[in-house]
Structure formats: structure tokens, C-alpha cells
PDB file of N, CA and C in Angstrom:
ATOM      1  N   GLU A   1     -83.921  86.169  21.279  1.00  0.00           N
ATOM      2  CA  GLU A   1     -83.269  85.709  20.066  1.00  0.00           C
ATOM      3  C   GLU A   1     -84.049  84.534  19.494  1.00  0.00           C
ATOM      4  N   GLY A   2     -84.170  84.474  18.174  1.00  0.00           N
ATOM      5  CA  GLY A   2     -84.842  83.373  17.519  1.00  0.00           C
ATOM      6  C   GLY A   2     -86.348  83.497  17.497  1.00  0.00           C
ATOM      7  N   GLN A   3     -86.893  84.645  17.900  1.00  0.00           N
ATOM      8  CA  GLN A   3     -88.330  84.840  17.874  1.00  0.00           C
ATOM      9  C   GLN A   3     -88.753  85.305  16.489  1.00  0.00           C
ATOM     10  N   ALA A   4     -89.880  84.794  16.025  1.00  0.00           N
ATOM     11  CA  ALA A   4     -90.386  85.163  14.706  1.00  0.00           C
ATOM     12  C   ALA A   4     -91.297  86.378  14.820  1.00  0.00           C
ATOM     13  N   MET A   5     -91.231  87.241  13.820  1.00  0.00           N
ATOM     14  CA  MET A   5     -92.106  88.395  13.739  1.00  0.00           C
ATOM     15  C   MET A   5     -92.562  88.536  12.286  1.00  0.00           C
ATOM     16  N   PRO A   6     -93.748  88.041  11.981  1.00  0.00           N
ATOM     17  CA  PRO A   6     -94.212  88.127  10.592  1.00  0.00           C
ATOM     18  C   PRO A   6     -94.481  89.573  10.174  1.00  0.00           C
ATOM     19  N   ALA A   7     -94.197  89.869   8.937  1.00  0.00           N
ATOM     20  CA  ALA A   7     -94.487  91.184   8.370  1.00  0.00           C
ATOM     21  C   ALA A   7     -94.671  91.008   6.865  1.00  0.00           C
ATOM     22  N   HIS A   8     -95.473  91.856   6.278  1.00  0.00           N
ATOM     23  CA  HIS A   8     -95.726  91.805   4.836  1.00  0.00           C
ATOM     24  C   HIS A   8     -94.665  92.618   4.097  1.00  0.00           C
ATOM     25  N   SER A   9     -94.049  92.013   3.106  1.00  0.00           N
ATOM     26  CA  SER A   9     -92.996  92.710   2.370  1.00  0.00           C
ATOM     27  C   SER A   9     -93.535  93.983   1.717  1.00  0.00           C
ATOM     28  N   TYR A  10     -94.806  93.994   1.305  1.00  0.00           N
ATOM     29  CA  TYR A  10     -95.384  95.191   0.696  1.00  0.00           C
ATOM     30  C   TYR A  10     -95.400  96.344   1.693  1.00  0.00           C
ATOM     31  N   ILE A  11     -95.769  96.076   2.938  1.00  0.00           N
ATOM     32  CA  ILE A  11     -95.804  97.123   3.963  1.00  0.00           C
ATOM     33  C   ILE A  11     -94.387  97.629   4.230  1.00  0.00           C
ATOM     34  N   LEU A  12     -93.454  96.705   4.385  1.00  0.00           N
ATOM     35  CA  LEU A  12     -92.072  97.114   4.646  1.00  0.00           C
ATOM     36  C   LEU A  12     -91.516  97.949   3.491  1.00  0.00           C
ATOM     37  N   ALA A  13     -91.700  97.467   2.278  1.00  0.00           N
ATOM     38  CA  ALA A  13     -91.150  98.150   1.104  1.00  0.00           C
ATOM     39  C   ALA A  13     -91.814  99.499   0.854  1.00  0.00           C
ATOM     40  N   SER A  14     -93.104  99.610   1.130  1.00  0.00           N
ATOM     41  CA  SER A  14     -93.781 100.886   0.897  1.00  0.00           C
ATOM     42  C   SER A  14     -93.484 101.902   1.998  1.00  0.00           C
ATOM     43  N   SER A  15     -92.971 101.439   3.136  1.00  0.00           N
ATOM     44  CA  SER A  15     -92.676 102.329   4.252  1.00  0.00           C
ATOM     45  C   SER A  15     -91.221 102.773   4.296  1.00  0.00           C
ATOM     46  N   SER A  16     -90.352 102.086   3.557  1.00  0.00           N
ATOM     47  CA  SER A  16     -88.923 102.335   3.685  1.00  0.00           C
ATOM     48  C   SER A  16     -88.201 102.056   2.375  1.00  0.00           C
ATOM     49  N   ALA A  17     -87.444 103.036   1.905  1.00  0.00           N
ATOM     50  CA  ALA A  17     -86.648 102.840   0.689  1.00  0.00           C
ATOM     51  C   ALA A  17     -85.600 101.760   0.898  1.00  0.00           C
ATOM     52  N   THR A  18     -85.090 101.647   2.102  1.00  0.00           N
ATOM     53  CA  THR A  18     -84.091 100.629   2.399  1.00  0.00           C
ATOM     54  C   THR A  18     -84.702  99.237   2.309  1.00  0.00           C
ATOM     55  N   PHE A  19     -85.879  99.053   2.915  1.00  0.00           N
ATOM     56  CA  PHE A  19     -86.559  97.759   2.793  1.00  0.00           C
ATOM     57  C   PHE A  19     -86.895  97.468   1.336  1.00  0.00           C
ATOM     58  N   PHE A  20     -87.347  98.492   0.588  1.00  0.00           N
ATOM     59  CA  PHE A  20     -87.675  98.294  -0.827  1.00  0.00           C
ATOM     60  C   PHE A  20     -86.457  97.756  -1.567  1.00  0.00           C
ATOM     61  N   SER A  21     -85.314  98.374  -1.331  1.00  0.00           N
ATOM     62  CA  SER A  21     -84.094  97.941  -1.991  1.00  0.00           C
ATOM     63  C   SER A  21     -83.741  96.515  -1.598  1.00  0.00           C
ATOM     64  N   GLN A  22     -83.827  96.208  -0.317  1.00  0.00           N
ATOM     65  CA  GLN A  22     -83.464  94.873   0.145  1.00  0.00           C
ATOM     66  C   GLN A  22     -84.396  93.803  -0.408  1.00  0.00           C
ATOM     67  N   LEU A  23     -85.639  94.140  -0.595  1.00  0.00           N
ATOM     68  CA  LEU A  23     -86.627  93.136  -1.002  1.00  0.00           C
ATOM     69  C   LEU A  23     -86.825  93.031  -2.511  1.00  0.00           C
ATOM     70  N   HIS A  24     -86.568  94.117  -3.261  1.00  0.00           N
ATOM     71  CA  HIS A  24     -86.975  94.121  -4.664  1.00  0.00           C
ATOM     72  C   HIS A  24     -85.893  94.412  -5.684  1.00  0.00           C
ATOM     73  N   GLU A  25     -84.776  94.960  -5.283  1.00  0.00           N
ATOM     74  CA  GLU A  25     -83.760  95.296  -6.273  1.00  0.00           C
ATOM     75  C   GLU A  25     -82.754  94.157  -6.416  1.00  0.00           C
ATOM     76  N   GLU A  26     -82.146  94.084  -7.584  1.00  0.00           N
ATOM     77  CA  GLU A  26     -81.197  93.007  -7.863  1.00  0.00           C
ATOM     78  C   GLU A  26     -79.952  93.108  -6.995  1.00  0.00           C
ATOM     79  N   GLN A  27     -79.479  94.308  -6.732  1.00  0.00           N
ATOM     80  CA  GLN A  27     -78.315  94.499  -5.882  1.00  0.00           C
ATOM     81  C   GLN A  27     -78.757  95.310  -4.670  1.00  0.00           C
ATOM     82  N   PRO A  28     -79.315  94.646  -3.675  1.00  0.00           N
ATOM     83  CA  PRO A  28     -79.870  95.379  -2.542  1.00  0.00           C
ATOM     84  C   PRO A  28     -78.813  96.067  -1.708  1.00  0.00           C
ATOM     85  N   LEU A  29     -79.265  97.099  -1.011  1.00  0.00           N
ATOM     86  CA  LEU A  29     -78.403  97.753  -0.036  1.00  0.00           C
ATOM     87  C   LEU A  29     -78.203  96.797   1.123  1.00  0.00           C
ATOM     88  N   HIS A  30     -77.027  96.776   1.672  1.00  0.00           N
ATOM     89  CA  HIS A  30     -76.763  95.907   2.812  1.00  0.00           C
ATOM     90  C   HIS A  30     -76.679  96.757   4.070  1.00  0.00           C
ATOM     91  N   ASP A  31     -77.246  96.261   5.135  1.00  0.00           N
ATOM     92  CA  ASP A  31     -77.243  96.980   6.392  1.00  0.00           C
ATOM     93  C   ASP A  31     -76.695  96.059   7.463  1.00  0.00           C
ATOM     94  N   ILE A  32     -75.857  96.555   8.332  1.00  0.00           N
ATOM     95  CA  ILE A  32     -75.219  95.742   9.361  1.00  0.00           C
ATOM     96  C   ILE A  32     -76.248  95.182  10.340  1.00  0.00           C
ATOM     97  N   SER A  33     -77.290  95.933  10.627  1.00  0.00           N
ATOM     98  CA  SER A  33     -78.248  95.533  11.650  1.00  0.00           C
ATOM     99  C   SER A  33     -79.135  94.365  11.225  1.00  0.00           C
ATOM    100  N   PHE A  34     -79.384  94.229   9.943  1.00  0.00           N
ATOM    101  CA  PHE A  34     -80.325  93.220   9.477  1.00  0.00           C
ATOM    102  C   PHE A  34     -79.673  92.312   8.450  1.00  0.00           C
ATOM    103  N   LEU A  35     -79.984  91.051   8.527  1.00  0.00           N
ATOM    104  CA  LEU A  35     -79.503  90.079   7.558  1.00  0.00           C
ATOM    105  C   LEU A  35     -80.718  89.345   7.010  1.00  0.00           C
ATOM    106  N   TRP A  36     -80.928  89.424   5.721  1.00  0.00           N
ATOM    107  CA  TRP A  36     -82.083  88.774   5.094  1.00  0.00           C
ATOM    108  C   TRP A  36     -81.644  87.446   4.513  1.00  0.00           C
ATOM    109  N   GLN A  37     -82.424  86.411   4.751  1.00  0.00           N
ATOM    110  CA  GLN A  37     -82.169  85.109   4.148  1.00  0.00           C
ATOM    111  C   GLN A  37     -83.440  84.672   3.431  1.00  0.00           C
ATOM    112  N   GLN A  38     -83.296  84.290   2.209  1.00  0.00           N
ATOM    113  CA  GLN A  38     -84.441  83.899   1.407  1.00  0.00           C
ATOM    114  C   GLN A  38     -84.716  82.412   1.572  1.00  0.00           C
ATOM    115  N   GLN A  39     -85.978  82.061   1.787  1.00  0.00           N
ATOM    116  CA  GLN A  39     -86.399  80.674   1.843  1.00  0.00           C
ATOM    117  C   GLN A  39     -87.629  80.523   0.966  1.00  0.00           C
ATOM    118  N   SER A  40     -87.709  79.440   0.239  1.00  0.00           N
ATOM    119  CA  SER A  40     -88.871  79.235  -0.622  1.00  0.00           C
ATOM    120  C   SER A  40     -89.754  78.102  -0.126  1.00  0.00           C
ATOM    121  N   SER A  41     -89.430  77.504   0.984  1.00  0.00           N
ATOM    122  CA  SER A  41     -90.282  76.450   1.516  1.00  0.00           C
ATOM    123  C   SER A  41     -90.346  76.556   3.032  1.00  0.00           C
ATOM    124  N   VAL A  42     -91.416  76.029   3.580  1.00  0.00           N
ATOM    125  CA  VAL A  42     -91.606  76.012   5.018  1.00  0.00           C
ATOM    126  C   VAL A  42     -91.888  74.579   5.420  1.00  0.00           C
ATOM    127  N   GLU A  43     -91.097  74.054   6.335  1.00  0.00           N
ATOM    128  CA  GLU A  43     -91.255  72.682   6.797  1.00  0.00           C
ATOM    129  C   GLU A  43     -91.327  71.693   5.625  1.00  0.00           C
ATOM    130  N   GLY A  44     -90.503  71.924   4.616  1.00  0.00           N
ATOM    131  CA  GLY A  44     -90.426  70.996   3.500  1.00  0.00           C
ATOM    132  C   GLY A  44     -91.526  71.141   2.460  1.00  0.00           C
ATOM    133  N   ARG A  45     -92.430  72.085   2.636  1.00  0.00           N
ATOM    134  CA  ARG A  45     -93.524  72.270   1.672  1.00  0.00           C
ATOM    135  C   ARG A  45     -93.333  73.559   0.901  1.00  0.00           C
ATOM    136  N   GLU A  46     -93.656  73.519  -0.364  1.00  0.00           N
ATOM    137  CA  GLU A  46     -93.618  74.732  -1.185  1.00  0.00           C
ATOM    138  C   GLU A  46     -94.958  75.440  -1.054  1.00  0.00           C
ATOM    139  N   TYR A  47     -94.914  76.742  -0.813  1.00  0.00           N
ATOM    140  CA  TYR A  47     -96.138  77.515  -0.668  1.00  0.00           C
ATOM    141  C   TYR A  47     -96.337  78.523  -1.786  1.00  0.00           C
ATOM    142  N   GLY A  48     -95.426  78.575  -2.754  1.00  0.00           N
ATOM    143  CA  GLY A  48     -95.590  79.483  -3.875  1.00  0.00           C
ATOM    144  C   GLY A  48     -95.253  80.932  -3.548  1.00  0.00           C
ATOM    145  N   HIS A  49     -94.689  81.196  -2.401  1.00  0.00           N
ATOM    146  CA  HIS A  49     -94.243  82.535  -2.070  1.00  0.00           C
ATOM    147  C   HIS A  49     -92.906  82.441  -1.341  1.00  0.00           C
ATOM    148  N   ILE A  50     -92.267  83.552  -1.214  1.00  0.00           N
ATOM    149  CA  ILE A  50     -90.949  83.583  -0.591  1.00  0.00           C
ATOM    150  C   ILE A  50     -91.087  84.159   0.808  1.00  0.00           C
ATOM    151  N   ARG A  51     -90.466  83.512   1.751  1.00  0.00           N
ATOM    152  CA  ARG A  51     -90.406  84.033   3.115  1.00  0.00           C
ATOM    153  C   ARG A  51     -89.026  84.616   3.337  1.00  0.00           C
ATOM    154  N   TRP A  52     -88.993  85.741   3.978  1.00  0.00           N
ATOM    155  CA  TRP A  52     -87.743  86.370   4.346  1.00  0.00           C
ATOM    156  C   TRP A  52     -87.624  86.300   5.860  1.00  0.00           C
ATOM    157  N   HIS A  53     -86.448  85.965   6.330  1.00  0.00           N
ATOM    158  CA  HIS A  53     -86.203  85.923   7.755  1.00  0.00           C
ATOM    159  C   HIS A  53     -85.276  87.067   8.122  1.00  0.00           C
ATOM    160  N   LEU A  54     -85.685  87.808   9.109  1.00  0.00           N
ATOM    161  CA  LEU A  54     -84.974  88.986   9.551  1.00  0.00           C
ATOM    162  C   LEU A  54     -84.237  88.650  10.838  1.00  0.00           C
ATOM    163  N   HIS A  55     -82.928  88.723  10.816  1.00  0.00           N
ATOM    164  CA  HIS A  55     -82.119  88.466  12.004  1.00  0.00           C
ATOM    165  C   HIS A  55     -81.601  89.809  12.507  1.00  0.00           C
ATOM    166  N   VAL A  56     -81.870  90.097  13.764  1.00  0.00           N
ATOM    167  CA  VAL A  56     -81.569  91.402  14.327  1.00  0.00           C
ATOM    168  C   VAL A  56     -80.383  91.317  15.274  1.00  0.00           C
ATOM    169  N   LYS A  57     -79.483  92.259  15.142  1.00  0.00           N
ATOM    170  CA  LYS A  57     -78.344  92.361  16.052  1.00  0.00           C
ATOM    171  C   LYS A  57     -78.486  93.647  16.850  1.00  0.00           C
ATOM    172  N   ASP A  58     -78.249  93.551  18.144  1.00  0.00           N
ATOM    173  CA  ASP A  58     -78.156  94.724  19.012  1.00  0.00           C
ATOM    174  C   ASP A  58     -79.424  95.577  19.078  1.00  0.00           C
ATOM    175  N   VAL A  59     -80.567  94.982  18.790  1.00  0.00           N
ATOM    176  CA  VAL A  59     -81.843  95.679  18.939  1.00  0.00           C
ATOM    177  C   VAL A  59     -82.769  94.752  19.717  1.00  0.00           C
ATOM    178  N   PRO A  60     -83.256  95.197  20.885  1.00  0.00           N
ATOM    179  CA  PRO A  60     -84.166  94.336  21.636  1.00  0.00           C
ATOM    180  C   PRO A  60     -85.417  93.995  20.816  1.00  0.00           C
ATOM    181  N   TYR A  61     -85.903  92.783  21.008  1.00  0.00           N
ATOM    182  CA  TYR A  61     -87.064  92.301  20.266  1.00  0.00           C
ATOM    183  C   TYR A  61     -88.247  93.261  20.402  1.00  0.00           C
ATOM    184  N   ILE A  62     -88.498  93.764  21.601  1.00  0.00           N
ATOM    185  CA  ILE A  62     -89.654  94.636  21.812  1.00  0.00           C
ATOM    186  C   ILE A  62     -89.511  95.940  21.028  1.00  0.00           C
ATOM    187  N   VAL A  63     -88.299  96.429  20.867  1.00  0.00           N
ATOM    188  CA  VAL A  63     -88.083  97.645  20.080  1.00  0.00           C
ATOM    189  C   VAL A  63     -88.359  97.367  18.609  1.00  0.00           C
ATOM    190  N   LEU A  64     -87.896  96.234  18.112  1.00  0.00           N
ATOM    191  CA  LEU A  64     -88.188  95.870  16.725  1.00  0.00           C
ATOM    192  C   LEU A  64     -89.695  95.709  16.532  1.00  0.00           C
ATOM    193  N   PHE A  65     -90.369  95.124  17.520  1.00  0.00           N
ATOM    194  CA  PHE A  65     -91.830  94.988  17.456  1.00  0.00           C
ATOM    195  C   PHE A  65     -92.483  96.366  17.313  1.00  0.00           C
ATOM    196  N   HIS A  66     -92.070  97.327  18.126  1.00  0.00           N
ATOM    197  CA  HIS A  66     -92.640  98.681  18.048  1.00  0.00           C
ATOM    198  C   HIS A  66     -92.329  99.320  16.696  1.00  0.00           C
ATOM    199  N   PHE A  67     -91.133  99.088  16.184  1.00  0.00           N
ATOM    200  CA  PHE A  67     -90.746  99.642  14.884  1.00  0.00           C
ATOM    201  C   PHE A  67     -91.634  99.076  13.763  1.00  0.00           C
ATOM    202  N   ILE A  68     -91.785  97.765  13.723  1.00  0.00           N
ATOM    203  CA  ILE A  68     -92.615  97.140  12.686  1.00  0.00           C
ATOM    204  C   ILE A  68     -94.067  97.578  12.839  1.00  0.00           C
ATOM    205  N   ARG A  69     -94.540  97.626  14.078  1.00  0.00           N
ATOM    206  CA  ARG A  69     -95.929  98.070  14.308  1.00  0.00           C
ATOM    207  C   ARG A  69     -96.115  99.502  13.812  1.00  0.00           C
ATOM    208  N   PHE A  70     -95.113 100.362  13.995  1.00  0.00           N
ATOM    209  CA  PHE A  70     -95.192 101.732  13.492  1.00  0.00           C
ATOM    210  C   PHE A  70     -95.350 101.753  11.975  1.00  0.00           C
ATOM    211  N   LEU A  71     -94.636 100.879  11.284  1.00  0.00           N
ATOM    212  CA  LEU A  71     -94.751 100.832   9.826  1.00  0.00           C
ATOM    213  C   LEU A  71     -96.167 100.497   9.384  1.00  0.00           C
ATOM    214  N   TYR A  72     -96.877  99.718  10.178  1.00  0.00           N
ATOM    215  CA  TYR A  72     -98.260  99.351   9.877  1.00  0.00           C
ATOM    216  C   TYR A  72     -99.268 100.420  10.304  1.00  0.00           C
ATOM    217  N   THR A  73     -99.057 101.030  11.464  1.00  0.00           N
ATOM    218  CA  THR A  73    -100.111 101.844  12.080  1.00  0.00           C
ATOM    219  C   THR A  73     -99.782 103.329  12.211  1.00  0.00           C
ATOM    220  N   ASP A  74     -98.524 103.712  12.055  1.00  0.00           N
ATOM    221  CA  ASP A  74     -98.074 105.077  12.282  1.00  0.00           C
ATOM    222  C   ASP A  74     -98.248 105.486  13.750  1.00  0.00           C
ATOM    223  N   GLU A  75     -98.310 104.494  14.636  1.00  0.00           N
ATOM    224  CA  GLU A  75     -98.404 104.746  16.073  1.00  0.00           C
ATOM    225  C   GLU A  75     -97.197 104.114  16.752  1.00  0.00           C
ATOM    226  N   ILE A  76     -96.703 104.782  17.801  1.00  0.00           N
ATOM    227  CA  ILE A  76     -95.487 104.305  18.452  1.00  0.00           C
ATOM    228  C   ILE A  76     -95.518 104.653  19.932  1.00  0.00           C
ATOM    229  N   GLU A  77     -94.950 103.783  20.738  1.00  0.00           N
ATOM    230  CA  GLU A  77     -94.762 104.050  22.161  1.00  0.00           C
ATOM    231  C   GLU A  77     -93.276 104.338  22.368  1.00  0.00           C
ATOM    232  N   ILE A  78     -92.957 105.612  22.530  1.00  0.00           N
ATOM    233  CA  ILE A  78     -91.566 106.017  22.696  1.00  0.00           C
ATOM    234  C   ILE A  78     -91.305 106.274  24.172  1.00  0.00           C
ATOM    235  N   SER A  79     -90.187 105.768  24.640  1.00  0.00           N
ATOM    236  CA  SER A  79     -89.767 105.988  26.027  1.00  0.00           C
ATOM    237  C   SER A  79     -88.271 106.278  26.033  1.00  0.00           C
ATOM    238  N   LEU A  80     -87.779 106.685  27.181  1.00  0.00           N
ATOM    239  CA  LEU A  80     -86.330 106.907  27.291  1.00  0.00           C
ATOM    240  C   LEU A  80     -85.557 105.613  27.102  1.00  0.00           C
ATOM    241  N   ASP A  81     -86.194 104.480  27.375  1.00  0.00           N
ATOM    242  CA  ASP A  81     -85.533 103.182  27.212  1.00  0.00           C
ATOM    243  C   ASP A  81     -85.389 102.753  25.755  1.00  0.00           C
ATOM    244  N   ASN A  82     -86.297 103.211  24.870  1.00  0.00           N
ATOM    245  CA  ASN A  82     -86.251 102.718  23.493  1.00  0.00           C
ATOM    246  C   ASN A  82     -85.956 103.782  22.444  1.00  0.00           C
ATOM    247  N   VAL A  83     -85.905 105.044  22.819  1.00  0.00           N
ATOM    248  CA  VAL A  83     -85.799 106.110  21.826  1.00  0.00           C
ATOM    249  C   VAL A  83     -84.517 106.029  21.003  1.00  0.00           C
ATOM    250  N   VAL A  84     -83.401 105.670  21.604  1.00  0.00           N
ATOM    251  CA  VAL A  84     -82.140 105.612  20.849  1.00  0.00           C
ATOM    252  C   VAL A  84     -82.201 104.493  19.813  1.00  0.00           C
ATOM    253  N   HIS A  85     -82.695 103.312  20.213  1.00  0.00           N
ATOM    254  CA  HIS A  85     -82.833 102.205  19.257  1.00  0.00           C
ATOM    255  C   HIS A  85     -83.802 102.568  18.132  1.00  0.00           C
ATOM    256  N   LEU A  86     -84.937 103.170  18.490  1.00  0.00           N
ATOM    257  CA  LEU A  86     -85.923 103.545  17.469  1.00  0.00           C
ATOM    258  C   LEU A  86     -85.359 104.587  16.513  1.00  0.00           C
ATOM    259  N   LEU A  87     -84.645 105.548  17.045  1.00  0.00           N
ATOM    260  CA  LEU A  87     -84.051 106.584  16.194  1.00  0.00           C
ATOM    261  C   LEU A  87     -83.015 105.987  15.248  1.00  0.00           C
ATOM    262  N   ASN A  88     -82.221 105.046  15.737  1.00  0.00           N
ATOM    263  CA  ASN A  88     -81.248 104.375  14.867  1.00  0.00           C
ATOM    264  C   ASN A  88     -81.936 103.563  13.778  1.00  0.00           C
ATOM    265  N   LEU A  89     -82.995 102.828  14.130  1.00  0.00           N
ATOM    266  CA  LEU A  89     -83.748 102.067  13.124  1.00  0.00           C
ATOM    267  C   LEU A  89     -84.385 103.010  12.103  1.00  0.00           C
ATOM    268  N   ALA A  90     -84.985 104.097  12.586  1.00  0.00           N
ATOM    269  CA  ALA A  90     -85.628 105.062  11.687  1.00  0.00           C
ATOM    270  C   ALA A  90     -84.618 105.665  10.724  1.00  0.00           C
ATOM    271  N   HIS A  91     -83.439 105.976  11.225  1.00  0.00           N
ATOM    272  CA  HIS A  91     -82.387 106.537  10.365  1.00  0.00           C
ATOM    273  C   HIS A  91     -81.888 105.490   9.366  1.00  0.00           C
ATOM    274  N   SER A  92     -81.604 104.287   9.841  1.00  0.00           N
ATOM    275  CA  SER A  92     -81.079 103.235   8.971  1.00  0.00           C
ATOM    276  C   SER A  92     -82.057 102.867   7.860  1.00  0.00           C
ATOM    277  N   TYR A  93     -83.343 102.872   8.183  1.00  0.00           N
ATOM    278  CA  TYR A  93     -84.355 102.439   7.222  1.00  0.00           C
ATOM    279  C   TYR A  93     -85.107 103.599   6.594  1.00  0.00           C
ATOM    280  N   LYS A  94     -84.607 104.808   6.825  1.00  0.00           N
ATOM    281  CA  LYS A  94     -85.147 106.007   6.178  1.00  0.00           C
ATOM    282  C   LYS A  94     -86.660 106.130   6.386  1.00  0.00           C
ATOM    283  N   VAL A  95     -87.064 106.055   7.650  1.00  0.00           N
ATOM    284  CA  VAL A  95     -88.471 106.217   8.016  1.00  0.00           C
ATOM    285  C   VAL A  95     -88.584 107.595   8.668  1.00  0.00           C
ATOM    286  N   GLY A  96     -88.803 108.601   7.823  1.00  0.00           N
ATOM    287  CA  GLY A  96     -88.782 109.987   8.267  1.00  0.00           C
ATOM    288  C   GLY A  96     -89.796 110.319   9.342  1.00  0.00           C
ATOM    289  N   ALA A  97     -90.996 109.765   9.243  1.00  0.00           N
ATOM    290  CA  ALA A  97     -92.034 110.065  10.233  1.00  0.00           C
ATOM    291  C   ALA A  97     -91.615 109.590  11.622  1.00  0.00           C
ATOM    292  N   LEU A  98     -90.972 108.440  11.701  1.00  0.00           N
ATOM    293  CA  LEU A  98     -90.514 107.940  12.992  1.00  0.00           C
ATOM    294  C   LEU A  98     -89.333 108.759  13.502  1.00  0.00           C
ATOM    295  N   THR A  99     -88.445 109.154  12.623  1.00  0.00           N
ATOM    296  CA  THR A  99     -87.337 110.028  13.014  1.00  0.00           C
ATOM    297  C   THR A  99     -87.887 111.298  13.645  1.00  0.00           C
ATOM    298  N   SER A 100     -88.888 111.899  13.012  1.00  0.00           N
ATOM    299  CA  SER A 100     -89.496 113.132  13.541  1.00  0.00           C
ATOM    300  C   SER A 100     -90.132 112.912  14.903  1.00  0.00           C
ATOM    301  N   LYS A 101     -90.832 111.794  15.077  1.00  0.00           N
ATOM    302  CA  LYS A 101     -91.474 111.508  16.364  1.00  0.00           C
ATOM    303  C   LYS A 101     -90.430 111.310  17.461  1.00  0.00           C
ATOM    304  N   CYS A 102     -89.340 110.627  17.155  1.00  0.00           N
ATOM    305  CA  CYS A 102     -88.271 110.426  18.140  1.00  0.00           C
ATOM    306  C   CYS A 102     -87.606 111.750  18.494  1.00  0.00           C
ATOM    307  N   GLN A 103     -87.355 112.578  17.500  1.00  0.00           N
ATOM    308  CA  GLN A 103     -86.732 113.873  17.756  1.00  0.00           C
ATOM    309  C   GLN A 103     -87.635 114.758  18.605  1.00  0.00           C
ATOM    310  N   GLU A 104     -88.921 114.734  18.321  1.00  0.00           N
ATOM    311  CA  GLU A 104     -89.880 115.516  19.112  1.00  0.00           C
ATOM    312  C   GLU A 104     -89.916 115.021  20.562  1.00  0.00           C
ATOM    313  N   PHE A 105     -89.917 113.699  20.742  1.00  0.00           N
ATOM    314  CA  PHE A 105     -89.894 113.124  22.083  1.00  0.00           C
ATOM    315  C   PHE A 105     -88.658 113.611  22.845  1.00  0.00           C
ATOM    316  N   LEU A 106     -87.502 113.547  22.204  1.00  0.00           N
ATOM    317  CA  LEU A 106     -86.262 113.989  22.853  1.00  0.00           C
ATOM    318  C   LEU A 106     -86.288 115.485  23.148  1.00  0.00           C
ATOM    319  N   ARG A 107     -86.829 116.258  22.233  1.00  0.00           N
ATOM    320  CA  ARG A 107     -86.917 117.705  22.446  1.00  0.00           C
ATOM    321  C   ARG A 107     -87.743 118.013  23.688  1.00  0.00           C
ATOM    322  N   LEU A 108     -88.815 117.272  23.894  1.00  0.00           N
ATOM    323  CA  LEU A 108     -89.669 117.504  25.056  1.00  0.00           C
ATOM    324  C   LEU A 108     -89.060 116.971  26.350  1.00  0.00           C
ATOM    325  N   GLN A 109     -88.204 115.962  26.236  1.00  0.00           N
ATOM    326  CA  GLN A 109     -87.588 115.361  27.426  1.00  0.00           C
ATOM    327  C   GLN A 109     -86.379 116.138  27.932  1.00  0.00           C
ATOM    328  N   VAL A 110     -85.672 116.785  27.041  1.00  0.00           N
ATOM    329  CA  VAL A 110     -84.454 117.491  27.429  1.00  0.00           C
ATOM    330  C   VAL A 110     -84.833 118.939  27.760  1.00  0.00           C
ATOM    331  N   THR A 111     -84.744 119.253  29.018  1.00  0.00           N
ATOM    332  CA  THR A 111     -85.051 120.603  29.488  1.00  0.00           C
ATOM    333  C   THR A 111     -83.781 121.199  30.091  1.00  0.00           C
ATOM    334  N   PRO A 112     -83.738 122.519  30.249  1.00  0.00           N
ATOM    335  CA  PRO A 112     -82.529 123.134  30.810  1.00  0.00           C
ATOM    336  C   PRO A 112     -82.118 122.550  32.168  1.00  0.00           C
ATOM    337  N   LYS A 113     -83.064 122.167  32.987  1.00  0.00           N
ATOM    338  CA  LYS A 113     -82.711 121.634  34.312  1.00  0.00           C
ATOM    339  C   LYS A 113     -82.116 120.226  34.208  1.00  0.00           C
ATOM    340  N   ASP A 114     -82.344 119.512  33.074  1.00  0.00           N
ATOM    341  CA  ASP A 114     -81.822 118.166  32.891  1.00  0.00           C
ATOM    342  C   ASP A 114     -80.428 118.127  32.269  1.00  0.00           C
ATOM    343  N   VAL A 115     -79.967 119.249  31.749  1.00  0.00           N
ATOM    344  CA  VAL A 115     -78.693 119.295  31.032  1.00  0.00           C
ATOM    345  C   VAL A 115     -77.561 119.570  32.007  1.00  0.00           C
ATOM    346  N   LEU A 116     -76.485 118.804  31.874  1.00  0.00           N
ATOM    347  CA  LEU A 116     -75.286 119.050  32.697  1.00  0.00           C
ATOM    348  C   LEU A 116     -74.586 120.294  32.212  1.00  0.00           C
ATOM    349  N   ARG A 117     -74.131 121.079  33.141  1.00  0.00           N
ATOM    350  CA  ARG A 117     -73.403 122.310  32.764  1.00  0.00           C
ATOM    351  C   ARG A 117     -71.982 122.213  33.206  1.00  0.00           C
TER     352      ARG A 117
END
């Protein structure tokens, strides 16, 4: 909690309609998982740009790191430990490519011998 993770608003907005709405529209969509707070100064100095702080609830920091990294690189490390969180983030932020990768991972992990009957 309280860890910073820098990200470029252009990358976020171009990767997700939800981020685009939150960052650029007058009446942004609100999401329970993320709370955006606008700040125009850092340590009392004006830098001529706006910083957004992302506060995450119920998502481990490392999962958010993988999610943001995916938005930049289209690469992801999916495991049984993070797939549910990643799938929820992908769904909430309308990141179709990540949704597909998570679904494919689950499809390969769930075999007939693993299913309870």
C-alpha cells in the first residue's frame, strides 16, 4: 500500500476506453477498484503537467504492475495466483487482448482430470 507506479496517461488512455474516459472526458466513468486524484504540483512546485494518483483496492501491487506493464508491452506473466485479478482488471478496463490471454491460460489449465464431478 502507498507504493507509486508511474505510467503515462497517453499509454493508459490509448489502451483502455475506461482509462480514456477517466483521464479525458468531462464526466468520467467511475470504477470501484480505482480512485483518481488530480494534483497539479509535486512537493510544492508547479511542473506544468498534471499527475494522477491511482489508489488500488483489493488488487495486489504485483498484479497491478503486470497489468500496467501489459499495457506498455503486450506481454504478461499469467499464473494461477494472478489470473483472476488480471481477468477482473482486463474486464473492468476493457482490455480485450488481456482478457483473451487470461481466458486462453484458463482453458489450458482446466483439464477433465482437474474438474470436480
